[in-house]
Amino acid sequence: MWHTLSGILAQYAGTSGTVTLRPGAVVLLVVAHASSVNATVSILGGASIPVVNGAPPLVIPMLHTLLKVDSGNAGTIVFTSTDSYYVQAVTEGHV
């Protein structure tokens, strides 16, 4: 199902660590890069996704499945051993 989202765009960037999203936020884009082995990203408490070291950045656009922060997930995106990341999210608001 496709949705039109409106609200305040939130953008996060850094090296490694945890991004904590506001309740009701919808993840739009996750990008990660690694220069070391064993780098991963975990989105809203899901499985660890490998980020291949030395490869072009891993780009995960949320085109079909809207990932929403709610009581059923962690509300976090965890970057482990990455050297850069970027996240876009928007507060929920369907028009």
N, C-alpha and C. Protein backbone atom coordinates (compact mmCIF):
# COMPACT_ATOMS: atom_id res chain seq x y z
N MET A 1 0.84 -1.16 0.00
CA MET A 1 0.00 0.00 0.00
C MET A 1 0.89 1.24 0.00
N TRP A 2 0.55 2.21 -0.81
CA TRP A 2 1.31 3.45 -0.89
C TRP A 2 0.65 4.50 -0.01
N HIS A 3 1.46 5.31 0.60
CA HIS A 3 0.98 6.35 1.49
C HIS A 3 1.63 7.67 1.11
N THR A 4 0.90 8.74 1.33
CA THR A 4 1.48 10.07 1.23
C THR A 4 1.78 10.51 2.65
N LEU A 5 3.02 10.88 2.89
CA LEU A 5 3.43 11.28 4.24
C LEU A 5 3.64 12.77 4.30
N SER A 6 3.23 13.35 5.39
CA SER A 6 3.54 14.75 5.64
C SER A 6 4.00 14.86 7.07
N GLY A 7 4.74 15.87 7.35
CA GLY A 7 5.25 16.04 8.70
C GLY A 7 6.63 16.66 8.66
N ILE A 8 7.32 16.56 9.76
CA ILE A 8 8.65 17.14 9.88
C ILE A 8 9.70 16.08 9.53
N LEU A 9 10.54 16.41 8.58
CA LEU A 9 11.62 15.52 8.17
C LEU A 9 12.73 15.55 9.20
N ALA A 10 13.17 14.39 9.65
CA ALA A 10 14.31 14.29 10.57
C ALA A 10 15.45 13.62 9.82
N GLN A 11 16.66 14.15 9.98
CA GLN A 11 17.84 13.59 9.35
C GLN A 11 18.92 13.37 10.40
N TYR A 12 19.57 12.23 10.33
CA TYR A 12 20.60 11.86 11.30
C TYR A 12 21.84 11.41 10.53
N ALA A 13 23.02 11.75 11.02
CA ALA A 13 24.26 11.32 10.40
C ALA A 13 25.30 11.11 11.49
N GLY A 14 26.23 10.21 11.21
CA GLY A 14 27.29 9.95 12.17
C GLY A 14 28.21 8.86 11.68
N THR A 15 28.95 8.26 12.60
CA THR A 15 29.89 7.20 12.26
C THR A 15 29.32 5.84 12.65
N SER A 16 29.34 5.49 13.90
CA SER A 16 28.72 4.28 14.43
C SER A 16 27.86 4.69 15.61
N GLY A 17 26.94 3.82 15.98
CA GLY A 17 26.13 4.12 17.14
C GLY A 17 24.66 3.87 16.89
N THR A 18 23.84 4.45 17.76
CA THR A 18 22.41 4.21 17.73
C THR A 18 21.65 5.49 17.44
N VAL A 19 20.73 5.40 16.49
CA VAL A 19 19.81 6.50 16.20
C VAL A 19 18.48 6.13 16.84
N THR A 20 17.97 6.99 17.71
CA THR A 20 16.68 6.76 18.35
C THR A 20 15.65 7.68 17.71
N LEU A 21 14.63 7.06 17.12
CA LEU A 21 13.61 7.81 16.42
C LEU A 21 12.44 8.12 17.35
N ARG A 22 11.73 9.19 17.03
CA ARG A 22 10.56 9.59 17.82
C ARG A 22 9.42 8.59 17.60
N PRO A 23 8.58 8.39 18.60
CA PRO A 23 7.41 7.53 18.42
C PRO A 23 6.55 8.03 17.25
N GLY A 24 6.10 7.11 16.42
CA GLY A 24 5.30 7.45 15.26
C GLY A 24 6.09 7.82 14.02
N ALA A 25 7.42 7.90 14.14
CA ALA A 25 8.25 8.24 12.98
C ALA A 25 8.24 7.09 11.98
N VAL A 26 8.35 7.44 10.70
CA VAL A 26 8.42 6.46 9.63
C VAL A 26 9.79 6.59 8.96
N VAL A 27 10.50 5.47 8.84
CA VAL A 27 11.83 5.46 8.23
C VAL A 27 11.69 5.56 6.72
N LEU A 28 12.42 6.51 6.12
CA LEU A 28 12.40 6.70 4.67
C LEU A 28 13.64 6.16 3.98
N LEU A 29 14.80 6.34 4.62
CA LEU A 29 16.07 5.99 3.97
C LEU A 29 17.13 5.69 5.02
N VAL A 30 17.91 4.63 4.75
CA VAL A 30 19.06 4.29 5.59
C VAL A 30 20.25 4.08 4.66
N VAL A 31 21.36 4.76 4.94
CA VAL A 31 22.59 4.62 4.16
C VAL A 31 23.73 4.35 5.13
N ALA A 32 24.60 3.39 4.81
CA ALA A 32 25.74 3.08 5.68
C ALA A 32 26.96 2.71 4.84
N HIS A 33 28.14 3.04 5.37
CA HIS A 33 29.41 2.68 4.72
C HIS A 33 30.35 2.14 5.79
N ALA A 34 31.20 1.20 5.37
CA ALA A 34 32.17 0.61 6.31
C ALA A 34 33.51 0.43 5.64
N SER A 35 34.55 0.65 6.42
CA SER A 35 35.92 0.37 5.96
C SER A 35 36.55 -0.75 6.78
N SER A 36 35.77 -1.37 7.64
CA SER A 36 36.27 -2.49 8.44
C SER A 36 35.30 -3.66 8.33
N VAL A 37 35.78 -4.83 8.69
CA VAL A 37 34.94 -6.03 8.61
C VAL A 37 33.93 -6.05 9.75
N ASN A 38 32.92 -6.89 9.60
CA ASN A 38 31.89 -7.12 10.61
C ASN A 38 30.98 -5.93 10.88
N ALA A 39 30.86 -5.00 9.94
CA ALA A 39 29.95 -3.88 10.10
C ALA A 39 28.53 -4.34 9.79
N THR A 40 27.57 -3.83 10.58
CA THR A 40 26.17 -4.19 10.37
C THR A 40 25.27 -3.00 10.69
N VAL A 41 24.02 -3.12 10.24
CA VAL A 41 22.97 -2.18 10.61
C VAL A 41 21.74 -3.00 10.96
N SER A 42 21.07 -2.61 12.03
CA SER A 42 19.84 -3.26 12.46
C SER A 42 18.76 -2.18 12.54
N ILE A 43 17.66 -2.39 11.81
CA ILE A 43 16.62 -1.38 11.69
C ILE A 43 15.42 -1.78 12.55
N LEU A 44 15.07 -0.95 13.51
CA LEU A 44 13.91 -1.13 14.38
C LEU A 44 13.86 -2.52 15.01
N GLY A 45 15.00 -2.98 15.48
CA GLY A 45 15.07 -4.25 16.18
C GLY A 45 15.11 -5.48 15.29
N GLY A 46 15.24 -5.28 13.98
CA GLY A 46 15.29 -6.40 13.05
C GLY A 46 16.65 -7.07 13.02
N ALA A 47 16.80 -7.99 12.11
CA ALA A 47 18.05 -8.74 11.96
C ALA A 47 19.19 -7.81 11.55
N SER A 48 20.41 -8.22 11.86
CA SER A 48 21.59 -7.45 11.46
C SER A 48 21.83 -7.61 9.97
N ILE A 49 21.96 -6.49 9.27
CA ILE A 49 22.23 -6.48 7.84
C ILE A 49 23.70 -6.17 7.65
N PRO A 50 24.45 -7.03 6.95
CA PRO A 50 25.88 -6.77 6.75
C PRO A 50 26.12 -5.53 5.89
N VAL A 51 27.14 -4.77 6.27
CA VAL A 51 27.62 -3.64 5.46
C VAL A 51 29.02 -4.04 5.01
N VAL A 52 29.18 -4.33 3.72
CA VAL A 52 30.44 -4.87 3.19
C VAL A 52 31.52 -3.80 3.22
N ASN A 53 32.65 -4.15 3.85
CA ASN A 53 33.73 -3.17 3.96
C ASN A 53 34.35 -2.87 2.61
N GLY A 54 34.62 -1.58 2.38
CA GLY A 54 35.26 -1.13 1.15
C GLY A 54 34.33 -1.05 -0.05
N ALA A 55 33.12 -1.53 0.07
CA ALA A 55 32.15 -1.48 -1.03
C ALA A 55 31.49 -0.10 -1.07
N PRO A 56 30.79 0.21 -2.15
CA PRO A 56 30.01 1.45 -2.15
C PRO A 56 29.02 1.44 -0.98
N PRO A 57 28.53 2.59 -0.57
CA PRO A 57 27.61 2.64 0.56
C PRO A 57 26.38 1.74 0.36
N LEU A 58 25.96 1.12 1.43
CA LEU A 58 24.73 0.33 1.44
C LEU A 58 23.57 1.32 1.51
N VAL A 59 22.67 1.28 0.54
CA VAL A 59 21.53 2.19 0.49
C VAL A 59 20.26 1.36 0.60
N ILE A 60 19.46 1.66 1.62
CA ILE A 60 18.21 0.94 1.85
C ILE A 60 17.07 1.95 1.82
N PRO A 61 16.45 2.13 0.63
CA PRO A 61 15.29 3.01 0.57
C PRO A 61 14.04 2.24 1.00
N MET A 62 13.17 2.89 1.68
CA MET A 62 11.94 2.24 2.13
C MET A 62 10.84 2.59 1.13
N LEU A 63 10.80 1.86 0.00
CA LEU A 63 9.88 2.18 -1.08
C LEU A 63 8.53 1.49 -0.95
N HIS A 64 8.52 0.29 -0.44
CA HIS A 64 7.28 -0.48 -0.41
C HIS A 64 6.78 -0.73 1.00
N THR A 65 7.65 -0.99 1.93
CA THR A 65 7.25 -1.29 3.29
C THR A 65 7.58 -0.10 4.17
N LEU A 66 6.58 0.49 4.76
CA LEU A 66 6.83 1.61 5.65
C LEU A 66 7.19 1.09 7.02
N LEU A 67 8.35 1.44 7.51
CA LEU A 67 8.79 1.03 8.83
C LEU A 67 8.46 2.13 9.82
N LYS A 68 7.52 1.84 10.70
CA LYS A 68 7.03 2.82 11.65
C LYS A 68 7.47 2.47 13.06
N VAL A 69 7.90 3.48 13.80
CA VAL A 69 8.26 3.29 15.20
C VAL A 69 6.96 3.17 16.01
N ASP A 70 6.82 2.04 16.71
CA ASP A 70 5.66 1.86 17.58
C ASP A 70 6.06 0.97 18.75
N SER A 71 5.08 0.59 19.57
CA SER A 71 5.39 -0.19 20.77
C SER A 71 5.88 -1.59 20.44
N GLY A 72 5.74 -2.04 19.19
CA GLY A 72 6.16 -3.38 18.81
C GLY A 72 7.60 -3.49 18.35
N ASN A 73 8.33 -2.38 18.30
CA ASN A 73 9.73 -2.46 17.90
C ASN A 73 10.58 -1.54 18.77
N ALA A 74 11.88 -1.61 18.55
CA ALA A 74 12.82 -0.92 19.41
C ALA A 74 12.85 0.60 19.19
N GLY A 75 12.41 1.08 18.03
CA GLY A 75 12.49 2.51 17.76
C GLY A 75 13.90 3.01 17.51
N THR A 76 14.82 2.08 17.26
CA THR A 76 16.21 2.46 17.05
C THR A 76 16.76 1.84 15.77
N ILE A 77 17.77 2.50 15.23
CA ILE A 77 18.58 1.95 14.14
C ILE A 77 20.00 1.90 14.67
N VAL A 78 20.57 0.70 14.71
CA VAL A 78 21.89 0.50 15.33
C VAL A 78 22.93 0.23 14.24
N PHE A 79 23.95 1.08 14.21
CA PHE A 79 25.07 0.93 13.27
C PHE A 79 26.28 0.44 14.05
N THR A 80 26.80 -0.71 13.67
CA THR A 80 27.94 -1.32 14.36
C THR A 80 29.14 -1.37 13.43
N SER A 81 30.26 -0.82 13.85
CA SER A 81 31.54 -0.82 13.11
C SER A 81 31.46 -0.12 11.76
N THR A 82 30.49 0.77 11.56
CA THR A 82 30.42 1.55 10.33
C THR A 82 31.28 2.80 10.49
N ASP A 83 31.69 3.39 9.35
CA ASP A 83 32.43 4.64 9.47
C ASP A 83 31.59 5.85 9.07
N SER A 84 30.39 5.60 8.53
CA SER A 84 29.45 6.69 8.29
C SER A 84 28.05 6.13 8.09
N TYR A 85 27.06 6.94 8.48
CA TYR A 85 25.67 6.57 8.23
C TYR A 85 24.83 7.83 8.03
N TYR A 86 23.68 7.62 7.40
CA TYR A 86 22.71 8.69 7.19
C TYR A 86 21.32 8.07 7.26
N VAL A 87 20.40 8.71 7.96
CA VAL A 87 19.03 8.23 8.12
C VAL A 87 18.07 9.39 7.86
N GLN A 88 17.00 9.10 7.12
CA GLN A 88 15.90 10.05 6.97
C GLN A 88 14.64 9.41 7.53
N ALA A 89 13.88 10.18 8.28
CA ALA A 89 12.60 9.71 8.81
C ALA A 89 11.65 10.90 8.82
N VAL A 90 10.37 10.61 8.85
CA VAL A 90 9.37 11.67 8.92
C VAL A 90 8.34 11.28 9.98
N THR A 91 7.82 12.27 10.67
CA THR A 91 6.76 11.99 11.63
C THR A 91 5.53 11.58 10.85
N GLU A 92 4.76 10.68 11.43
CA GLU A 92 3.59 10.16 10.75
C GLU A 92 2.55 11.24 10.56
N GLY A 93 1.94 11.25 9.39
CA GLY A 93 0.88 12.18 9.09
C GLY A 93 0.38 11.93 7.69
N HIS A 94 -0.64 11.09 7.54
CA HIS A 94 -1.15 10.74 6.22
C HIS A 94 -2.14 11.79 5.77
N VAL A 95 -2.02 12.19 4.52
CA VAL A 95 -2.95 13.19 3.98
C VAL A 95 -3.73 12.58 2.82
